[in-house]
C-alpha cells in the first residue's frame, strides 16, 4: 500500500503550528500526487522535501537558519531502498533545492557525498541552476541571528525537513534537508547529509528521516538504528519511540524521526514540544496533520 509521511522539524515553536500546517499540507500533497499516479517513492520524497525547501517558514532551502557569519549553508540527502542507492550534499549555499542536488548525486552513482565548492562544481556540470545565496536569506532569520548573537552557543534545535515513502512497486525511499543549526560555525555539517544518521531506506524494512540535535543523531547513527528496532518489533510507532529514547539517553540530545515500513505503515516520535508531521495513504481523503 503506497504511503508517505513528512516532517517539518523537531523544535518548531508551538505558536507557529497553524501557519506550519499550510506548508505541511502542500508538501504531503506534492509527494502523494507522485505516488497516486503510480510514480516512484524516490520522486515522491524529493517532491515533498522540495516543497518545504521552497517554503520560507521551514529551515531548509529558502528560509534556512544562518551561520554565525550570516550566510546559509545547507545539507541534504536522499536514499532509495531497493539498491541502497544514495546521494548527499553538505555546506551548499548556491542551490535553491539541495535535495534535488543530492538526487543528482544519487543518479550519477560515482559518489555518495559532495560538499561545499565540490558540490557546487558538480551542480554546474549536472546542469542544476545556481542561485544568488542572498536570495536564500530571509529577514526572519536575520532577526533570529541578531537576537542569538551574544547568547551561549548551542540549545537551538534545527527545523530540518524530511519525508519517507513506499510506492506501489514496494520500493521505499527517504530524504532529509536542512539549513542546520542557528549560529553554527561555517563548515559545520550535521546528520542530514549523513546516510545512516539522518536518512536511511531499505525496502525490506522501511525508511527513516530524522530531525533534531545533529551531533546527537550522528553519535547514535539514529536512522539505521531505528530500522533495527523496526526489524525486531515490526511496529513503526514503537521503533520511532525507542529510537527517540536512544537519542535522548545515549545521544544526549533532543529531536524526532518519521518511519514508514515495507507494508506502508507509518510511525513517528519526538522529544520536543512540537514536530510538525503529515501523512497520506489510499484510505485518507486528505493529508492527516495531527499537530
Protein backbone atom coordinates (compact mmCIF):
# COMPACT_ATOMS: atom_id res chain seq x y z
CA UNK A 1 0.00 0.00 0.00
CA UNK A 2 1.61 3.30 -1.03
CA UNK A 3 2.05 5.85 1.73
CA UNK A 4 4.08 8.92 2.58
CA UNK A 5 4.92 10.70 5.82
CA UNK A 6 6.58 14.12 6.04
CA UNK A 7 8.08 16.11 8.93
CA UNK A 8 8.79 19.81 9.30
CA UNK A 9 11.41 19.63 12.03
CA UNK A 10 11.62 18.92 15.74
CA UNK A 11 11.93 22.06 17.81
CA UNK A 12 9.39 24.17 15.94
CA UNK A 13 7.58 26.78 18.02
CA UNK A 14 4.11 25.68 19.16
CA UNK A 15 2.71 29.14 18.40
CA UNK A 16 3.60 28.61 14.72
CA UNK A 17 1.64 25.35 14.39
CA UNK A 18 -1.31 26.79 12.46
CA UNK A 19 0.98 28.51 9.96
CA UNK A 20 3.13 25.41 9.52
CA UNK A 21 0.10 23.27 8.66
CA UNK A 22 -0.23 25.09 5.33
CA UNK A 23 3.29 24.12 4.31
CA UNK A 24 2.93 20.57 5.57
CA UNK A 25 -0.32 20.05 3.67
CA UNK A 26 1.33 21.27 0.48
CA UNK A 27 4.35 19.02 0.96
CA UNK A 28 2.32 15.88 1.68
CA UNK A 29 0.09 16.63 -1.31
CA UNK A 30 3.11 17.09 -3.60
CA UNK A 31 4.54 13.73 -2.59
CA UNK A 32 1.21 11.93 -2.69
CA UNK A 33 0.48 13.22 -6.20
CA UNK A 34 3.53 11.29 -7.40
CA UNK A 35 2.52 8.07 -5.62
CA UNK A 36 -1.15 8.28 -6.63
CA UNK A 37 -0.09 8.49 -10.27
CA UNK A 38 1.96 5.30 -9.88
CA UNK A 39 5.24 7.14 -9.55
CA UNK A 40 8.37 6.19 -7.65
CA UNK A 41 8.91 6.70 -3.93
CA UNK A 42 12.21 8.43 -4.75
CA UNK A 43 10.37 11.05 -6.80
CA UNK A 44 7.71 11.41 -4.11
CA UNK A 45 10.10 12.19 -1.26
CA UNK A 46 12.07 14.59 -3.46
CA UNK A 47 8.86 16.43 -4.38
CA UNK A 48 7.71 16.66 -0.77
CA UNK A 49 11.06 17.96 0.50
CA UNK A 50 11.39 20.43 -2.38
CA UNK A 51 8.03 21.86 -1.37
CA UNK A 52 9.32 22.53 2.13
CA UNK A 53 12.63 23.90 0.85
CA UNK A 54 10.63 26.44 -1.17
CA UNK A 55 8.59 27.46 1.88
CA UNK A 56 10.42 30.13 3.95
CA UNK A 57 8.60 29.01 7.10
CA UNK A 58 10.85 25.94 7.30
CA UNK A 59 14.58 25.61 7.97
CA UNK A 60 15.60 24.26 4.56
CA UNK A 61 16.29 25.93 1.23
CA UNK A 62 15.00 29.49 1.28
CA UNK A 63 14.42 30.29 4.95
CA UNK A 64 17.36 28.28 6.25
CA UNK A 65 18.89 29.42 9.52
CA UNK A 66 22.07 31.47 9.28
CA UNK A 67 25.63 30.64 10.22
CA UNK A 68 27.50 32.79 12.72
CA UNK A 69 28.79 34.76 9.71
CA UNK A 70 25.25 35.48 8.49
CA UNK A 71 25.25 33.12 5.50
CA UNK A 72 23.36 29.98 4.52
CA UNK A 73 24.98 26.52 4.37
CA UNK A 74 22.60 23.67 3.64
CA UNK A 75 22.79 19.86 3.88
CA UNK A 76 20.58 17.23 2.27
CA UNK A 77 20.45 13.52 1.49
CA UNK A 78 18.19 11.08 -0.32
CA UNK A 79 18.12 7.28 -0.47
CA UNK A 80 16.27 4.55 -2.37
CA UNK A 81 15.90 1.26 -0.55
CA UNK A 82 15.94 -1.34 -3.34
CA UNK A 83 19.58 -0.83 -4.28
CA UNK A 84 20.64 1.15 -1.20
CA UNK A 85 21.37 3.92 -3.69
CA UNK A 86 22.03 7.25 -2.04
CA UNK A 87 23.27 10.77 -2.62
CA UNK A 88 24.05 13.69 -0.34
CA UNK A 89 25.42 17.22 -0.30
CA UNK A 90 26.69 19.41 2.53
CA UNK A 91 27.61 23.05 3.11
CA UNK A 92 25.97 24.20 -0.13
CA UNK A 93 24.96 27.83 -0.50
CA UNK A 94 24.15 28.45 -4.16
CA UNK A 95 21.42 25.88 -4.87
CA UNK A 96 17.79 26.58 -4.00
CA UNK A 97 16.84 22.89 -3.64
CA UNK A 98 19.66 20.88 -2.05
CA UNK A 99 17.54 17.71 -2.04
CA UNK A 100 17.44 17.76 -5.84
CA UNK A 101 21.20 18.22 -5.98
CA UNK A 102 21.52 15.21 -3.66
CA UNK A 103 19.24 13.32 -6.06
CA UNK A 104 21.61 14.15 -8.92
CA UNK A 105 24.50 12.75 -6.87
CA UNK A 106 22.48 9.55 -6.36
CA UNK A 107 21.61 9.29 -10.06
CA UNK A 108 25.23 9.94 -11.10
CA UNK A 109 26.31 6.98 -8.95
CA UNK A 110 30.00 7.82 -8.71
CA UNK A 111 30.00 9.25 -5.18
CA UNK A 112 27.63 9.46 -2.21
CA UNK A 113 28.53 12.77 -0.53
CA UNK A 114 29.80 16.02 -2.08
CA UNK A 115 30.46 19.16 -0.06
CA UNK A 116 30.98 22.89 -0.49
CA UNK A 117 32.74 24.01 -3.66
CA UNK A 118 32.91 20.44 -4.94
CA UNK A 119 29.13 20.14 -4.67
CA UNK A 120 28.70 23.49 -6.46
CA UNK A 121 31.02 22.37 -9.28
CA UNK A 122 29.03 19.14 -9.63
CA UNK A 123 25.81 21.18 -9.76
CA UNK A 124 27.15 23.25 -12.66
CA UNK A 125 28.31 20.15 -14.50
CA UNK A 126 24.95 18.47 -13.96
CA UNK A 127 23.03 21.50 -15.20
CA UNK A 128 21.50 22.34 -11.82
CA UNK A 129 20.66 26.03 -11.73
CA UNK A 130 22.61 28.13 -9.25
CA UNK A 131 21.06 30.98 -7.29
CA UNK A 132 22.38 34.06 -5.54
CA UNK A 133 22.98 32.97 -1.91
CA UNK A 134 21.35 36.22 -0.78
CA UNK A 135 18.00 35.02 -2.13
CA UNK A 136 18.02 32.19 0.43
CA UNK A 137 18.34 34.58 3.39
CA UNK A 138 15.09 35.82 4.93
CA UNK A 139 14.51 38.76 7.20
CA UNK A 140 13.07 36.43 9.82
CA UNK A 141 16.34 34.51 10.01
CA UNK A 142 18.41 37.71 10.08
CA UNK A 143 16.39 38.79 13.10
CA UNK A 144 16.82 35.41 14.79
CA UNK A 145 20.58 35.54 14.32
CA UNK A 146 20.73 39.09 15.65
CA UNK A 147 18.84 38.01 18.75
CA UNK A 148 21.06 34.95 19.07
CA UNK A 149 24.38 36.79 18.99
CA UNK A 150 25.84 37.20 22.41
CA UNK A 151 24.00 34.17 23.77
CA UNK A 152 25.68 30.90 24.78
CA UNK A 153 26.23 28.64 21.74
CA UNK A 154 24.03 25.56 21.43
CA UNK A 155 20.49 24.96 22.62
CA UNK A 156 18.70 25.79 19.37
CA UNK A 157 17.37 22.77 17.50
CA UNK A 158 17.30 22.81 13.71
CA UNK A 159 13.94 22.67 11.92
CA UNK A 160 15.13 20.00 9.50
CA UNK A 161 12.54 18.74 6.98
CA UNK A 162 12.17 15.25 5.59
CA UNK A 163 9.96 12.61 4.02
CA UNK A 164 9.82 8.86 3.61
CA UNK A 165 7.52 6.90 1.34
CA UNK A 166 6.53 3.49 -0.03
CA UNK A 167 5.32 3.22 -3.63
CA UNK A 168 3.03 0.64 -5.22
CA UNK A 169 6.06 -1.27 -6.52
CA UNK A 170 7.24 -1.93 -2.95
CA UNK A 171 10.17 0.48 -3.06
CA UNK A 172 10.93 2.62 -0.01
CA UNK A 173 12.73 5.98 -0.18
CA UNK A 174 13.66 8.70 2.29
CA UNK A 175 15.02 12.25 2.07
CA UNK A 176 16.12 14.94 4.52
CA UNK A 177 17.12 18.60 4.09
CA UNK A 178 18.18 21.38 6.47
CA UNK A 179 19.85 24.72 6.91
CA UNK A 180 21.46 23.34 10.05
CA UNK A 181 21.68 24.97 13.46
CA UNK A 182 21.23 28.68 14.02
CA UNK A 183 24.55 30.45 14.50
CA UNK A 184 26.64 27.41 13.58
CA UNK A 185 30.28 27.66 12.60
CA UNK A 186 30.95 27.85 8.87
CA UNK A 187 31.60 24.34 7.56
CA UNK A 188 29.61 22.55 10.24
CA UNK A 189 27.79 19.50 8.85
CA UNK A 190 25.04 17.74 10.78
CA UNK A 191 23.20 14.48 10.41
CA UNK A 192 21.01 15.47 7.45
CA UNK A 193 23.82 14.87 4.96
CA UNK A 194 24.89 11.58 6.52
CA UNK A 195 23.37 8.34 5.30
CA UNK A 196 22.57 6.16 8.30
CA UNK A 197 22.37 9.09 10.69
CA UNK A 198 19.77 11.49 9.30
CA UNK A 199 18.40 9.38 6.44
CA UNK A 200 18.12 5.70 5.62
CA UNK A 201 15.97 3.45 3.43
CA UNK A 202 15.92 -0.30 2.95
CA UNK A 203 12.92 -1.65 1.04
CA UNK A 204 12.97 -4.90 3.02
CA UNK A 205 12.46 -2.92 6.24
CA UNK A 206 11.42 0.70 5.74
CA UNK A 207 12.61 4.28 5.57
CA UNK A 208 13.55 6.92 8.17
CA UNK A 209 14.16 10.67 8.22
CA UNK A 210 15.46 12.31 11.39
CA UNK A 211 15.44 15.82 12.84
CA UNK A 212 16.87 17.49 15.92
CA UNK A 213 20.29 17.79 17.51
CA UNK A 214 22.52 16.71 14.64
CA UNK A 215 25.54 15.90 16.73
CA UNK A 216 23.44 13.66 18.98
CA UNK A 217 21.83 11.93 15.98
CA UNK A 218 25.26 11.27 14.48
CA UNK A 219 26.54 9.79 17.76
CA UNK A 220 23.90 7.05 17.76
CA UNK A 221 23.53 6.63 13.95
CA UNK A 222 19.84 7.15 14.55
CA UNK A 223 18.18 6.38 11.20
CA UNK A 224 19.85 3.00 10.79
CA UNK A 225 19.28 2.10 14.44
CA UNK A 226 15.58 2.90 14.01
CA UNK A 227 15.31 0.31 11.25
CA UNK A 228 17.00 -2.25 13.50
CA UNK A 229 14.32 -1.60 16.12
CA UNK A 230 11.67 -1.87 13.40
CA UNK A 231 13.04 -5.25 12.33
CA UNK A 232 12.92 -6.51 15.91
CA UNK A 233 9.48 -5.21 16.88
CA UNK A 234 7.67 -4.97 13.49
CA UNK A 235 5.86 -1.86 14.73
CA UNK A 236 6.75 1.58 13.29
CA UNK A 237 5.46 3.68 16.17
CA UNK A 238 7.31 1.58 18.73
CA UNK A 239 10.51 1.72 16.69
CA UNK A 240 10.24 5.50 16.49
CA UNK A 241 9.64 5.90 20.22
CA UNK A 242 12.51 3.62 21.24
CA UNK A 243 14.78 5.45 18.82
CA UNK A 244 13.94 8.80 20.41
CA UNK A 245 14.71 7.29 23.82
CA UNK A 246 18.09 6.26 22.43
CA UNK A 247 18.68 9.78 21.09
CA UNK A 248 17.95 11.36 24.47
CA UNK A 249 19.67 8.83 26.73
CA UNK A 250 22.76 7.84 24.72
CA UNK A 251 22.98 10.62 22.16
CA UNK A 252 22.42 13.28 24.83
CA UNK A 253 20.22 15.36 22.57
CA UNK A 254 16.64 16.11 21.56
CA UNK A 255 14.76 15.51 18.34
CA UNK A 256 12.49 13.15 16.49
CA UNK A 257 12.01 10.99 13.41
CA UNK A 258 9.45 9.58 10.99
CA UNK A 259 9.22 5.97 9.80
CA UNK A 260 7.41 4.10 7.05
CA UNK A 261 7.71 0.32 6.91
CA UNK A 262 7.69 -2.06 3.95
CA UNK A 263 3.92 -2.52 4.32
CA UNK A 264 3.24 1.24 4.21
CA UNK A 265 2.53 1.61 7.92
CA UNK A 266 3.78 4.88 9.39
CA UNK A 267 5.21 5.91 12.76
CA UNK A 268 6.77 8.96 14.35
CA UNK A 269 8.02 10.22 17.70
CA UNK A 270 9.77 13.27 19.13
CA UNK A 271 11.12 14.53 22.44
CA UNK A 272 10.50 18.20 21.65
CA UNK A 273 7.29 20.14 22.28
CA UNK A 274 6.42 20.11 18.58
CA UNK A 275 7.38 18.26 15.41
CA UNK A 276 5.04 19.04 12.50
CA UNK A 277 4.08 15.82 10.71
CA UNK A 278 1.66 14.87 7.97
CA UNK A 279 0.91 11.73 6.01
CA UNK A 280 -1.25 10.30 3.27
CA UNK A 281 -2.44 6.79 2.41
CA UNK A 282 -5.05 5.45 -0.04
CA UNK A 283 -7.63 5.30 2.76
CA UNK A 284 -7.36 9.01 3.56
CA UNK A 285 -9.24 11.64 1.59
CA UNK A 286 -6.83 14.39 2.62
CA UNK A 287 -3.46 14.63 4.37
CA UNK A 288 -3.52 13.77 8.07
CA UNK A 289 -1.90 16.61 10.07
CA UNK A 290 -2.01 15.57 13.74
CA UNK A 291 -0.25 18.55 15.33
